[in-house]
Amino acid sequence: MQFADRVSRRGRRLFSSLLGAAFAFGLALSVTPSVWAQGGKTLTTVRLGDEIGSEADYANIWVADALGYYTDAGIKIERHTFNNGPEGLLHFANGEIDMIAAGLAPFMEMAARGQDFKMLMSVTKYNAPLVGLKKYHSYKELNGQKVGSPGLGTVQDAVLTYVENTQHIKFQRVFAKVSDFAVMAQKGEIAAFISWEPAAATAIHQNPALHYIAQLPPIKNAESLEVIVSPAFAKAHPKAVEGFVEATLRGMKWIKEHSPQQVAEIVAKKMNNPKGVPIVLDAMKSIIVTDPRIDMPSTRIILKSVIDAKKIPASFGKDIDGWMNKYIDYSYLDRAEKAIHWQ
């Protein structure tokens, strides 16, 4: 009986030890990015946020992904797509994604609320095409009209505020998903809308009554989209962050060195629409996706417009450059530019 008790106690201790080890292993998996093996190489998963109908905007990222540059850098991209930047940033703040490619305005609104992050690089300039019925040919002609916007806090809405302030006009904003704007215009619910690409080009191809009223916003080199990373992920996985930036820069370099047709074919495939090459070719005329440095002159204009719209407290406008520099971290980009001989 005593021998049986000792065996039983020993078994219980062994079971407890195994259970504790299993729990610890499970906990470790839940708090660290997952890794997976491909061809004997272990890759770190990067949970990356983006927005609906935005594949052309991030052409540099999807080109890098398609060409295997992230795999080369030891990374697997896990894509998380949201309706707009502000929605995606809620998930970023909750720790549900590691990085997000989104707009300057929502990033800095989040910063004003106390959220910390590292801004790694710019991925897109311009990216605020105005689309509407063919009888309209300028922002001014839309004075008093209903204009669709992807939401308060987006760069696109900040452009509308800038236009209102500089051209002394007023729009009736109608907020909706960019994927809904074409149908809303067809139903007469809006006269025009400001969007991102390739959602804007897609709407024009779907509805022949629409055209680009203004394909580029009236702000030179308008800063649009950047990539940010959580400080916790950057601290835990500095090589993954460095690899992501270098791979994305390689994607930019490939775009500079190849034809728009070749770029469009990759992006159309990412859209799950191989026949969408003409849409992407139109969309690429609305954006610049080969400049990794943040354009500060346009950044000042955009953030001032957001402050004027009372989305950011006025106190942050006293030194926009100083405020931005608290978040911009070019250390990864500097190393990437040297590594690939960026010009």
C-alpha atoms as a PDB file:
ATOM      1  CA  MET A   1       0.000   0.000   0.000  1.00  0.00           C
ATOM      2  CA  GLN A   2       2.806   2.400   0.918  1.00  0.00           C
ATOM      3  CA  PHE A   3       4.625   1.474  -2.316  1.00  0.00           C
ATOM      4  CA  ALA A   4       1.435   2.148  -4.300  1.00  0.00           C
ATOM      5  CA  ASP A   5       1.029   5.509  -2.566  1.00  0.00           C
ATOM      6  CA  ARG A   6       4.605   6.452  -3.459  1.00  0.00           C
ATOM      7  CA  VAL A   7       4.024   5.511  -7.099  1.00  0.00           C
ATOM      8  CA  SER A   8       0.768   7.452  -7.098  1.00  0.00           C
ATOM      9  CA  ARG A   9       2.406  10.512  -5.586  1.00  0.00           C
ATOM     10  CA  ARG A  10       5.287  10.259  -8.063  1.00  0.00           C
ATOM     11  CA  GLY A  11       2.789  10.015 -10.919  1.00  0.00           C
ATOM     12  CA  ARG A  12       0.897  13.053  -9.692  1.00  0.00           C
ATOM     13  CA  ARG A  13       4.139  15.057  -9.448  1.00  0.00           C
ATOM     14  CA  LEU A  14       5.127  14.007 -12.983  1.00  0.00           C
ATOM     15  CA  PHE A  15       1.671  14.926 -14.307  1.00  0.00           C
ATOM     16  CA  SER A  16       1.857  18.316 -12.562  1.00  0.00           C
ATOM     17  CA  SER A  17       5.296  18.973 -14.020  1.00  0.00           C
ATOM     18  CA  LEU A  18       4.138  18.090 -17.535  1.00  0.00           C
ATOM     19  CA  LEU A  19       1.001  20.199 -17.120  1.00  0.00           C
ATOM     20  CA  GLY A  20       3.068  23.161 -15.925  1.00  0.00           C
ATOM     21  CA  ALA A  21       5.477  22.817 -18.827  1.00  0.00           C
ATOM     22  CA  ALA A  22       2.589  22.634 -21.289  1.00  0.00           C
ATOM     23  CA  PHE A  23       0.997  25.729 -19.768  1.00  0.00           C
ATOM     24  CA  ALA A  24       4.278  27.649 -19.915  1.00  0.00           C
ATOM     25  CA  PHE A  25       4.781  26.625 -23.543  1.00  0.00           C
ATOM     26  CA  GLY A  26       1.236  27.689 -24.438  1.00  0.00           C
ATOM     27  CA  LEU A  27       1.702  31.016 -22.665  1.00  0.00           C
ATOM     28  CA  ALA A  28       4.928  31.645 -24.531  1.00  0.00           C
ATOM     29  CA  LEU A  29       3.176  31.045 -27.830  1.00  0.00           C
ATOM     30  CA  SER A  30       0.391  33.459 -26.892  1.00  0.00           C
ATOM     31  CA  VAL A  31       2.672  36.384 -26.081  1.00  0.00           C
ATOM     32  CA  THR A  32       5.305  36.102 -28.811  1.00  0.00           C
ATOM     33  CA  PRO A  33       4.880  36.310 -32.588  1.00  0.00           C
ATOM     34  CA  SER A  34       4.447  32.935 -34.186  1.00  0.00           C
ATOM     35  CA  VAL A  35       7.198  31.422 -36.289  1.00  0.00           C
ATOM     36  CA  TRP A  36       6.955  28.854 -39.027  1.00  0.00           C
ATOM     37  CA  ALA A  37       9.420  26.927 -41.099  1.00  0.00           C
ATOM     38  CA  GLN A  38       9.691  26.964 -44.882  1.00  0.00           C
ATOM     39  CA  GLY A  39      12.511  25.138 -46.550  1.00  0.00           C
ATOM     40  CA  GLY A  40      14.232  24.797 -43.207  1.00  0.00           C
ATOM     41  CA  LYS A  41      14.128  28.544 -42.561  1.00  0.00           C
ATOM     42  CA  THR A  42      12.259  29.916 -39.561  1.00  0.00           C
ATOM     43  CA  LEU A  43      10.209  33.034 -40.307  1.00  0.00           C
ATOM     44  CA  THR A  44       8.836  35.566 -37.850  1.00  0.00           C
ATOM     45  CA  THR A  45       5.194  36.422 -38.440  1.00  0.00           C
ATOM     46  CA  VAL A  46       4.463  40.155 -38.716  1.00  0.00           C
ATOM     47  CA  ARG A  47       0.775  40.959 -38.250  1.00  0.00           C
ATOM     48  CA  LEU A  48       0.350  43.858 -40.683  1.00  0.00           C
ATOM     49  CA  GLY A  49      -2.742  46.074 -40.920  1.00  0.00           C
ATOM     50  CA  ASP A  50      -3.981  47.797 -44.084  1.00  0.00           C
ATOM     51  CA  GLU A  51      -7.283  49.094 -45.500  1.00  0.00           C
ATOM     52  CA  ILE A  52     -10.010  47.883 -47.873  1.00  0.00           C
ATOM     53  CA  GLY A  53      -9.348  48.662 -51.529  1.00  0.00           C
ATOM     54  CA  SER A  54      -5.809  49.921 -50.938  1.00  0.00           C
ATOM     55  CA  GLU A  55      -3.578  47.437 -52.762  1.00  0.00           C
ATOM     56  CA  ALA A  56      -2.113  50.009 -55.165  1.00  0.00           C
ATOM     57  CA  ASP A  57      -1.308  52.344 -52.267  1.00  0.00           C
ATOM     58  CA  TYR A  58       0.951  49.680 -50.823  1.00  0.00           C
ATOM     59  CA  ALA A  59       2.300  48.477 -54.159  1.00  0.00           C
ATOM     60  CA  ASN A  60       5.818  48.533 -52.696  1.00  0.00           C
ATOM     61  CA  ILE A  61       4.744  46.138 -49.900  1.00  0.00           C
ATOM     62  CA  TRP A  62       2.851  43.745 -52.186  1.00  0.00           C
ATOM     63  CA  VAL A  63       5.623  43.752 -54.796  1.00  0.00           C
ATOM     64  CA  ALA A  64       8.133  42.927 -52.050  1.00  0.00           C
ATOM     65  CA  ASP A  65       5.831  40.176 -50.802  1.00  0.00           C
ATOM     66  CA  ALA A  66       5.250  38.691 -54.266  1.00  0.00           C
ATOM     67  CA  LEU A  67       8.965  38.657 -55.066  1.00  0.00           C
ATOM     68  CA  GLY A  68       9.852  36.917 -51.818  1.00  0.00           C
ATOM     69  CA  TYR A  69      11.773  39.804 -50.263  1.00  0.00           C
ATOM     70  CA  TYR A  70      10.088  39.373 -46.867  1.00  0.00           C
ATOM     71  CA  THR A  71      10.813  35.650 -46.876  1.00  0.00           C
ATOM     72  CA  ASP A  72      14.443  36.476 -47.679  1.00  0.00           C
ATOM     73  CA  ALA A  73      14.437  38.747 -44.618  1.00  0.00           C
ATOM     74  CA  GLY A  74      13.025  36.017 -42.386  1.00  0.00           C
ATOM     75  CA  ILE A  75       9.470  37.399 -42.291  1.00  0.00           C
ATOM     76  CA  LYS A  76       6.000  36.094 -43.030  1.00  0.00           C
ATOM     77  CA  ILE A  77       3.374  38.827 -43.566  1.00  0.00           C
ATOM     78  CA  GLU A  78       0.010  38.117 -41.943  1.00  0.00           C
ATOM     79  CA  ARG A  79      -2.418  40.611 -43.472  1.00  0.00           C
ATOM     80  CA  HIS A  80      -5.227  42.213 -41.435  1.00  0.00           C
ATOM     81  CA  THR A  81      -7.529  44.495 -43.470  1.00  0.00           C
ATOM     82  CA  PHE A  82      -9.780  47.203 -41.981  1.00  0.00           C
ATOM     83  CA  ASN A  83     -12.336  49.696 -43.314  1.00  0.00           C
ATOM     84  CA  ASN A  84     -10.016  52.672 -42.737  1.00  0.00           C
ATOM     85  CA  GLY A  85      -6.939  53.773 -40.799  1.00  0.00           C
ATOM     86  CA  PRO A  86      -8.700  54.859 -37.584  1.00  0.00           C
ATOM     87  CA  GLU A  87     -10.405  51.455 -37.310  1.00  0.00           C
ATOM     88  CA  GLY A  88      -7.112  49.639 -37.834  1.00  0.00           C
ATOM     89  CA  LEU A  89      -5.400  51.751 -35.199  1.00  0.00           C
ATOM     90  CA  LEU A  90      -7.887  50.574 -32.577  1.00  0.00           C
ATOM     91  CA  HIS A  91      -6.619  47.051 -33.194  1.00  0.00           C
ATOM     92  CA  PHE A  92      -3.025  48.302 -33.141  1.00  0.00           C
ATOM     93  CA  ALA A  93      -3.610  49.993 -29.784  1.00  0.00           C
ATOM     94  CA  ASN A  94      -5.092  46.739 -28.450  1.00  0.00           C
ATOM     95  CA  GLY A  95      -1.971  44.816 -29.464  1.00  0.00           C
ATOM     96  CA  GLU A  96      -3.809  42.734 -32.068  1.00  0.00           C
ATOM     97  CA  ILE A  97      -1.392  43.714 -34.864  1.00  0.00           C
ATOM     98  CA  ASP A  98       2.329  44.478 -34.807  1.00  0.00           C
ATOM     99  CA  MET A  99       2.559  46.990 -37.665  1.00  0.00           C
ATOM    100  CA  ILE A 100       0.100  48.987 -39.700  1.00  0.00           C
ATOM    101  CA  ALA A 101       0.379  50.896 -42.962  1.00  0.00           C
ATOM    102  CA  ALA A 102      -2.085  53.773 -42.733  1.00  0.00           C
ATOM    103  CA  GLY A 103      -2.484  57.541 -42.930  1.00  0.00           C
ATOM    104  CA  LEU A 104      -0.469  60.337 -41.386  1.00  0.00           C
ATOM    105  CA  ALA A 105      -3.508  62.051 -39.871  1.00  0.00           C
ATOM    106  CA  PRO A 106      -4.871  59.088 -37.879  1.00  0.00           C
ATOM    107  CA  PHE A 107      -1.351  58.224 -36.710  1.00  0.00           C
ATOM    108  CA  MET A 108      -0.820  61.657 -35.224  1.00  0.00           C
ATOM    109  CA  GLU A 109      -4.328  61.820 -33.773  1.00  0.00           C
ATOM    110  CA  MET A 110      -3.461  58.598 -31.978  1.00  0.00           C
ATOM    111  CA  ALA A 111      -0.172  60.119 -30.820  1.00  0.00           C
ATOM    112  CA  ALA A 112      -2.037  63.139 -29.434  1.00  0.00           C
ATOM    113  CA  ARG A 113      -4.075  60.723 -27.315  1.00  0.00           C
ATOM    114  CA  GLY A 114      -0.888  59.270 -25.827  1.00  0.00           C
ATOM    115  CA  GLN A 115      -0.343  56.119 -27.916  1.00  0.00           C
ATOM    116  CA  ASP A 116       3.336  55.290 -28.490  1.00  0.00           C
ATOM    117  CA  PHE A 117       4.754  53.891 -31.738  1.00  0.00           C
ATOM    118  CA  LYS A 118       7.742  54.081 -34.077  1.00  0.00           C
ATOM    119  CA  MET A 119       7.145  55.552 -37.544  1.00  0.00           C
ATOM    120  CA  LEU A 120       9.509  53.596 -39.770  1.00  0.00           C
ATOM    121  CA  MET A 121       9.072  54.994 -43.280  1.00  0.00           C
ATOM    122  CA  SER A 122       6.702  56.571 -45.767  1.00  0.00           C
ATOM    123  CA  VAL A 123       5.113  54.246 -48.319  1.00  0.00           C
ATOM    124  CA  THR A 124       2.755  56.523 -50.291  1.00  0.00           C
ATOM    125  CA  LYS A 125       2.475  60.160 -51.383  1.00  0.00           C
ATOM    126  CA  TYR A 126      -0.701  61.900 -52.709  1.00  0.00           C
ATOM    127  CA  ASN A 127      -3.374  59.154 -52.650  1.00  0.00           C
ATOM    128  CA  ALA A 128      -6.438  61.366 -52.281  1.00  0.00           C
ATOM    129  CA  PRO A 129      -8.142  61.392 -55.698  1.00  0.00           C
ATOM    130  CA  LEU A 130     -11.434  63.246 -56.010  1.00  0.00           C
ATOM    131  CA  VAL A 131     -13.952  61.290 -58.102  1.00  0.00           C
ATOM    132  CA  GLY A 132     -17.395  62.439 -59.154  1.00  0.00           C
ATOM    133  CA  LEU A 133     -20.032  62.898 -61.803  1.00  0.00           C
ATOM    134  CA  LYS A 134     -18.666  64.077 -65.141  1.00  0.00           C
ATOM    135  CA  LYS A 135     -20.453  67.418 -64.953  1.00  0.00           C
ATOM    136  CA  TYR A 136     -18.050  68.458 -62.176  1.00  0.00           C
ATOM    137  CA  HIS A 137     -14.483  69.479 -63.004  1.00  0.00           C
ATOM    138  CA  SER A 138     -13.105  71.107 -59.858  1.00  0.00           C
ATOM    139  CA  TYR A 139     -13.397  71.241 -56.087  1.00  0.00           C
ATOM    140  CA  LYS A 140     -14.923  74.689 -56.410  1.00  0.00           C
ATOM    141  CA  GLU A 141     -17.848  73.399 -58.462  1.00  0.00           C
ATOM    142  CA  LEU A 142     -18.716  71.078 -55.552  1.00  0.00           C
ATOM    143  CA  ASN A 143     -19.314  73.941 -53.142  1.00  0.00           C
ATOM    144  CA  GLY A 144     -22.405  73.021 -51.114  1.00  0.00           C
ATOM    145  CA  GLN A 145     -22.637  69.537 -52.632  1.00  0.00           C
ATOM    146  CA  LYS A 146     -22.630  66.171 -50.874  1.00  0.00           C
ATOM    147  CA  VAL A 147     -19.120  64.723 -50.989  1.00  0.00           C
ATOM    148  CA  GLY A 148     -18.256  61.257 -49.728  1.00  0.00           C
ATOM    149  CA  SER A 149     -15.417  60.891 -47.229  1.00  0.00           C
ATOM    150  CA  PRO A 150     -13.862  57.687 -45.828  1.00  0.00           C
ATOM    151  CA  GLY A 151     -14.103  59.148 -42.332  1.00  0.00           C
ATOM    152  CA  LEU A 152     -13.045  61.794 -39.874  1.00  0.00           C
ATOM    153  CA  GLY A 153      -9.362  61.469 -39.100  1.00  0.00           C
ATOM    154  CA  THR A 154      -8.348  60.112 -42.507  1.00  0.00           C
ATOM    155  CA  VAL A 155      -5.823  61.932 -44.700  1.00  0.00           C
ATOM    156  CA  GLN A 156      -8.502  62.185 -47.377  1.00  0.00           C
ATOM    157  CA  ASP A 157     -10.866  64.030 -45.041  1.00  0.00           C
ATOM    158  CA  ALA A 158      -7.981  66.309 -44.028  1.00  0.00           C
ATOM    159  CA  VAL A 159      -7.561  67.219 -47.715  1.00  0.00           C
ATOM    160  CA  LEU A 160     -11.243  68.216 -47.851  1.00  0.00           C
ATOM    161  CA  THR A 161     -10.706  70.471 -44.817  1.00  0.00           C
ATOM    162  CA  TYR A 162      -7.629  72.011 -46.464  1.00  0.00           C
ATOM    163  CA  VAL A 163      -9.595  72.729 -49.643  1.00  0.00           C
ATOM    164  CA  GLU A 164     -12.480  74.270 -47.681  1.00  0.00           C
ATOM    165  CA  ASN A 165     -10.070  76.540 -45.817  1.00  0.00           C
ATOM    166  CA  THR A 166      -8.021  77.619 -48.837  1.00  0.00           C
ATOM    167  CA  GLN A 167     -10.768  77.877 -51.463  1.00  0.00           C
ATOM    168  CA  HIS A 168     -13.401  79.245 -49.058  1.00  0.00           C
ATOM    169  CA  ILE A 169     -16.031  76.672 -49.907  1.00  0.00           C
ATOM    170  CA  LYS A 170     -18.009  74.113 -47.894  1.00  0.00           C
ATOM    171  CA  PHE A 171     -18.884  70.478 -48.582  1.00  0.00           C
ATOM    172  CA  GLN A 172     -21.695  68.417 -47.133  1.00  0.00           C
ATOM    173  CA  ARG A 173     -19.689  65.410 -45.969  1.00  0.00           C
ATOM    174  CA  VAL A 174     -21.218  61.939 -46.245  1.00  0.00           C
ATOM    175  CA  PHE A 175     -19.179  59.271 -44.452  1.00  0.00           C
ATOM    176  CA  ALA A 176     -19.073  55.717 -45.815  1.00  0.00           C
ATOM    177  CA  LYS A 177     -16.789  52.871 -46.863  1.00  0.00           C
ATOM    178  CA  VAL A 178     -14.759  53.614 -49.986  1.00  0.00           C
ATOM    179  CA  SER A 179     -16.191  50.435 -51.521  1.00  0.00           C
ATOM    180  CA  ASP A 180     -19.711  51.933 -51.275  1.00  0.00           C
ATOM    181  CA  PHE A 181     -19.047  55.270 -52.975  1.00  0.00           C
ATOM    182  CA  ALA A 182     -19.625  54.168 -56.593  1.00  0.00           C
ATOM    183  CA  VAL A 183     -23.111  52.870 -55.810  1.00  0.00           C
ATOM    184  CA  MET A 184     -23.910  55.964 -53.715  1.00  0.00           C
ATOM    185  CA  ALA A 185     -22.942  58.206 -56.644  1.00  0.00           C
ATOM    186  CA  GLN A 186     -25.052  56.126 -59.019  1.00  0.00           C
ATOM    187  CA  LYS A 187     -28.061  56.509 -56.702  1.00  0.00           C
ATOM    188  CA  GLY A 188     -27.559  60.268 -56.509  1.00  0.00           C
ATOM    189  CA  GLU A 189     -26.728  60.167 -52.789  1.00  0.00           C
ATOM    190  CA  ILE A 190     -23.428  62.009 -53.380  1.00  0.00           C
ATOM    191  CA  ALA A 191     -22.082  64.199 -56.168  1.00  0.00           C
ATOM    192  CA  ALA A 192     -18.480  63.173 -55.627  1.00  0.00           C
ATOM    193  CA  PHE A 193     -16.158  61.450 -53.172  1.00  0.00           C
ATOM    194  CA  ILE A 194     -12.549  61.546 -52.073  1.00  0.00           C
ATOM    195  CA  SER A 195     -10.921  58.154 -51.768  1.00  0.00           C
ATOM    196  CA  TRP A 196      -7.704  56.162 -51.989  1.00  0.00           C
ATOM    197  CA  GLU A 197      -6.408  53.856 -54.682  1.00  0.00           C
ATOM    198  CA  PRO A 198      -7.253  51.513 -56.296  1.00  0.00           C
ATOM    199  CA  ALA A 199     -10.744  52.001 -54.803  1.00  0.00           C
ATOM    200  CA  ALA A 200     -11.128  55.251 -56.784  1.00  0.00           C
ATOM    201  CA  ALA A 201     -10.029  53.730 -60.100  1.00  0.00           C
ATOM    202  CA  THR A 202     -12.250  50.696 -59.474  1.00  0.00           C
ATOM    203  CA  ALA A 203     -15.284  52.945 -58.965  1.00  0.00           C
ATOM    204  CA  ILE A 204     -14.613  54.774 -62.239  1.00  0.00           C
ATOM    205  CA  HIS A 205     -14.298  51.494 -64.138  1.00  0.00           C
ATOM    206  CA  GLN A 206     -17.559  50.249 -62.591  1.00  0.00           C
ATOM    207  CA  ASN A 207     -19.554  53.404 -63.305  1.00  0.00           C
ATOM    208  CA  PRO A 208     -19.024  55.219 -66.645  1.00  0.00           C
ATOM    209  CA  ALA A 209     -20.818  58.297 -65.249  1.00  0.00           C
ATOM    210  CA  LEU A 210     -17.799  58.948 -62.990  1.00  0.00           C
ATOM    211  CA  HIS A 211     -14.379  60.438 -63.689  1.00  0.00           C
ATOM    212  CA  TYR A 212     -11.401  61.906 -61.858  1.00  0.00           C
ATOM    213  CA  ILE A 213     -12.300  65.489 -60.952  1.00  0.00           C
ATOM    214  CA  ALA A 214      -8.849  65.943 -59.439  1.00  0.00           C
ATOM    215  CA  GLN A 215      -6.533  62.948 -59.463  1.00  0.00           C
ATOM    216  CA  LEU A 216      -3.948  64.626 -57.218  1.00  0.00           C
ATOM    217  CA  PRO A 217      -4.728  66.702 -54.112  1.00  0.00           C
ATOM    218  CA  PRO A 218      -3.760  70.414 -54.231  1.00  0.00           C
ATOM    219  CA  ILE A 219      -0.797  69.850 -51.882  1.00  0.00           C
ATOM    220  CA  LYS A 220       2.635  69.216 -53.422  1.00  0.00           C
ATOM    221  CA  ASN A 221       4.055  65.754 -52.573  1.00  0.00           C
ATOM    222  CA  ALA A 222       1.197  65.306 -50.102  1.00  0.00           C
ATOM    223  CA  GLU A 223       2.327  62.877 -47.418  1.00  0.00           C
ATOM    224  CA  SER A 224      -0.210  60.083 -47.202  1.00  0.00           C
ATOM    225  CA  LEU A 225       0.742  56.695 -45.755  1.00  0.00           C
ATOM    226  CA  GLU A 226       3.471  55.437 -43.473  1.00  0.00           C
ATOM    227  CA  VAL A 227       4.297  52.224 -41.635  1.00  0.00           C
ATOM    228  CA  ILE A 228       4.439  52.194 -37.848  1.00  0.00           C
ATOM    229  CA  VAL A 229       5.460  49.435 -35.442  1.00  0.00           C
ATOM    230  CA  SER A 230       4.703  48.907 -31.782  1.00  0.00           C
ATOM    231  CA  PRO A 231       7.731  49.627 -29.538  1.00  0.00           C
ATOM    232  CA  ALA A 232       7.213  46.261 -27.832  1.00  0.00           C
ATOM    233  CA  PHE A 233       7.483  44.345 -31.114  1.00  0.00           C
ATOM    234  CA  ALA A 234      10.480  46.428 -32.208  1.00  0.00           C
ATOM    235  CA  LYS A 235      12.243  45.657 -28.920  1.00  0.00           C
ATOM    236  CA  ALA A 236      11.462  41.939 -29.059  1.00  0.00           C
ATOM    237  CA  HIS A 237      12.170  41.514 -32.792  1.00  0.00           C
ATOM    238  CA  PRO A 238      14.583  44.207 -34.050  1.00  0.00           C
ATOM    239  CA  LYS A 239      15.817  41.978 -36.889  1.00  0.00           C
ATOM    240  CA  ALA A 240      12.271  41.457 -38.135  1.00  0.00           C
ATOM    241  CA  VAL A 241      11.653  45.215 -38.153  1.00  0.00           C
ATOM    242  CA  GLU A 242      14.945  45.857 -39.924  1.00  0.00           C
ATOM    243  CA  GLY A 243      14.140  43.107 -42.417  1.00  0.00           C
ATOM    244  CA  PHE A 244      10.679  44.514 -43.075  1.00  0.00           C
ATOM    245  CA  VAL A 245      12.028  47.989 -43.853  1.00  0.00           C
ATOM    246  CA  GLU A 246      14.791  46.644 -46.102  1.00  0.00           C
ATOM    247  CA  ALA A 247      12.391  44.344 -47.976  1.00  0.00           C
ATOM    248  CA  THR A 248       9.898  47.193 -48.514  1.00  0.00           C
ATOM    249  CA  LEU A 249      12.702  49.443 -49.776  1.00  0.00           C
ATOM    250  CA  ARG A 250      13.734  46.693 -52.179  1.00  0.00           C
ATOM    251  CA  GLY A 251      10.118  46.668 -53.373  1.00  0.00           C
ATOM    252  CA  MET A 252      10.342  50.415 -54.038  1.00  0.00           C
ATOM    253  CA  LYS A 253      13.587  49.935 -55.944  1.00  0.00           C
ATOM    254  CA  TRP A 254      12.038  47.192 -58.083  1.00  0.00           C
ATOM    255  CA  ILE A 255       9.108  49.480 -58.942  1.00  0.00           C
ATOM    256  CA  LYS A 256      11.514  52.253 -59.997  1.00  0.00           C
ATOM    257  CA  GLU A 257      13.410  49.861 -62.243  1.00  0.00           C
ATOM    258  CA  HIS A 258      10.441  48.139 -63.925  1.00  0.00           C
ATOM    259  CA  SER A 259       7.512  49.175 -66.085  1.00  0.00           C
ATOM    260  CA  PRO A 260       4.111  50.237 -64.716  1.00  0.00           C
ATOM    261  CA  GLN A 261       2.644  47.242 -66.565  1.00  0.00           C
ATOM    262  CA  GLN A 262       4.818  44.814 -64.586  1.00  0.00           C
ATOM    263  CA  VAL A 263       3.907  46.515 -61.302  1.00  0.00           C
ATOM    264  CA  ALA A 264       0.210  46.530 -62.198  1.00  0.00           C
ATOM    265  CA  GLU A 265       0.226  42.813 -62.940  1.00  0.00           C
ATOM    266  CA  ILE A 266       1.523  42.047 -59.425  1.00  0.00           C
ATOM    267  CA  VAL A 267      -0.920  44.426 -57.733  1.00  0.00           C
ATOM    268  CA  ALA A 268      -3.903  43.145 -59.752  1.00  0.00           C
ATOM    269  CA  LYS A 269      -3.099  39.616 -58.642  1.00  0.00           C
ATOM    270  CA  LYS A 270      -3.011  40.825 -55.027  1.00  0.00           C
ATOM    271  CA  MET A 271      -6.480  42.287 -55.616  1.00  0.00           C
ATOM    272  CA  ASN A 272      -7.595  38.805 -56.720  1.00  0.00           C
ATOM    273  CA  ASN A 273      -8.429  40.399 -60.059  1.00  0.00           C
ATOM    274  CA  PRO A 274      -5.821  39.477 -62.703  1.00  0.00           C
ATOM    275  CA  LYS A 275      -7.940  41.337 -65.281  1.00  0.00           C
ATOM    276  CA  GLY A 276      -7.705  44.496 -63.171  1.00  0.00           C
ATOM    277  CA  VAL A 277      -4.408  45.675 -64.678  1.00  0.00           C
ATOM    278  CA  PRO A 278      -6.044  48.711 -66.418  1.00  0.00           C
ATOM    279  CA  ILE A 279      -7.559  49.727 -63.054  1.00  0.00           C
ATOM    280  CA  VAL A 280      -4.157  49.571 -61.368  1.00  0.00           C
ATOM    281  CA  LEU A 281      -2.480  51.493 -64.192  1.00  0.00           C
ATOM    282  CA  ASP A 282      -4.987  54.326 -63.671  1.00  0.00           C
ATOM    283  CA  ALA A 283      -4.563  54.140 -59.907  1.00  0.00           C
ATOM    284  CA  MET A 284      -0.770  54.431 -60.114  1.00  0.00           C
ATOM    285  CA  LYS A 285      -1.183  57.914 -61.622  1.00  0.00           C
ATOM    286  CA  SER A 286      -2.717  59.057 -58.310  1.00  0.00           C
ATOM    287  CA  ILE A 287       0.191  58.033 -56.099  1.00  0.00           C
ATOM    288  CA  ILE A 288       3.941  57.934 -55.555  1.00  0.00           C
ATOM    289  CA  VAL A 289       5.140  54.693 -53.948  1.00  0.00           C
ATOM    290  CA  THR A 290       8.919  55.051 -54.326  1.00  0.00           C
ATOM    291  CA  ASP A 291       9.810  57.714 -51.736  1.00  0.00           C
ATOM    292  CA  PRO A 292      10.561  56.281 -48.266  1.00  0.00           C
ATOM    293  CA  ARG A 293      11.163  59.615 -46.498  1.00  0.00           C
ATOM    294  CA  ILE A 294       8.330  61.603 -44.947  1.00  0.00           C
ATOM    295  CA  ASP A 295       7.617  64.884 -46.755  1.00  0.00           C
ATOM    296  CA  MET A 296       7.647  67.483 -43.999  1.00  0.00           C
ATOM    297  CA  PRO A 297       6.290  70.546 -45.910  1.00  0.00           C
ATOM    298  CA  SER A 298       3.070  68.677 -46.805  1.00  0.00           C
ATOM    299  CA  THR A 299       2.972  67.064 -43.349  1.00  0.00           C
ATOM    300  CA  ARG A 300       2.765  70.517 -41.757  1.00  0.00           C
ATOM    301  CA  ILE A 301      -0.125  71.472 -44.062  1.00  0.00           C
ATOM    302  CA  ILE A 302      -2.058  68.250 -43.477  1.00  0.00           C
ATOM    303  CA  LEU A 303      -1.648  68.306 -39.694  1.00  0.00           C
ATOM    304  CA  LYS A 304      -2.655  71.968 -39.561  1.00  0.00           C
ATOM    305  CA  SER A 305      -5.852  71.028 -41.422  1.00  0.00           C
ATOM    306  CA  VAL A 306      -6.513  68.243 -38.911  1.00  0.00           C
ATOM    307  CA  ILE A 307      -5.936  70.698 -36.059  1.00  0.00           C
ATOM    308  CA  ASP A 308      -8.281  73.202 -37.730  1.00  0.00           C
ATOM    309  CA  ALA A 309     -10.902  70.429 -37.821  1.00  0.00           C
ATOM    310  CA  LYS A 310     -10.351  70.038 -34.053  1.00  0.00           C
ATOM    311  CA  LYS A 311      -9.275  66.414 -34.367  1.00  0.00           C
ATOM    312  CA  ILE A 312      -5.948  67.262 -32.674  1.00  0.00           C
ATOM    313  CA  PRO A 313      -5.539  69.863 -29.885  1.00  0.00           C
ATOM    314  CA  ALA A 314      -4.081  73.159 -31.100  1.00  0.00           C
ATOM    315  CA  SER A 315      -1.127  72.858 -28.703  1.00  0.00           C
ATOM    316  CA  PHE A 316       0.396  70.144 -30.910  1.00  0.00           C
ATOM    317  CA  GLY A 317       0.589  72.581 -33.821  1.00  0.00           C
ATOM    318  CA  LYS A 318       3.132  74.842 -32.130  1.00  0.00           C
ATOM    319  CA  ASP A 319       6.069  72.655 -33.181  1.00  0.00           C
ATOM    320  CA  ILE A 320       4.905  70.056 -35.686  1.00  0.00           C
ATOM    321  CA  ASP A 321       8.444  69.106 -36.729  1.00  0.00           C
ATOM    322  CA  GLY A 322       9.536  68.539 -33.136  1.00  0.00           C
ATOM    323  CA  TRP A 323       6.412  66.543 -32.396  1.00  0.00           C
ATOM    324  CA  MET A 324       6.815  64.344 -35.494  1.00  0.00           C
ATOM    325  CA  ASN A 325      10.470  63.695 -34.682  1.00  0.00           C
ATOM    326  CA  LYS A 326       9.434  62.080 -31.384  1.00  0.00           C
ATOM    327  CA  TYR A 327       7.887  59.269 -33.426  1.00  0.00           C
ATOM    328  CA  ILE A 328       9.943  59.042 -36.623  1.00  0.00           C
ATOM    329  CA  ASP A 329      12.721  56.446 -36.316  1.00  0.00           C
ATOM    330  CA  TYR A 330      14.864  56.393 -39.449  1.00  0.00           C
ATOM    331  CA  SER A 331      17.549  54.134 -37.950  1.00  0.00           C
ATOM    332  CA  TYR A 332      16.157  51.053 -39.728  1.00  0.00           C
ATOM    333  CA  LEU A 333      15.736  52.936 -43.011  1.00  0.00           C
ATOM    334  CA  ASP A 334      19.266  54.371 -42.828  1.00  0.00           C
ATOM    335  CA  ARG A 335      20.707  50.851 -42.561  1.00  0.00           C
ATOM    336  CA  ALA A 336      18.422  49.551 -45.311  1.00  0.00           C
ATOM    337  CA  GLU A 337      19.451  52.301 -47.717  1.00  0.00           C
ATOM    338  CA  LYS A 338      23.111  51.427 -47.202  1.00  0.00           C
ATOM    339  CA  ALA A 339      22.456  47.711 -47.527  1.00  0.00           C
ATOM    340  CA  ILE A 340      20.779  47.951 -50.960  1.00  0.00           C
ATOM    341  CA  HIS A 341      22.685  51.023 -52.229  1.00  0.00           C
ATOM    342  CA  TRP A 342      19.520  53.123 -52.418  1.00  0.00           C
ATOM    343  CA  GLN A 343      19.758  56.189 -54.649  1.00  0.00           C
END
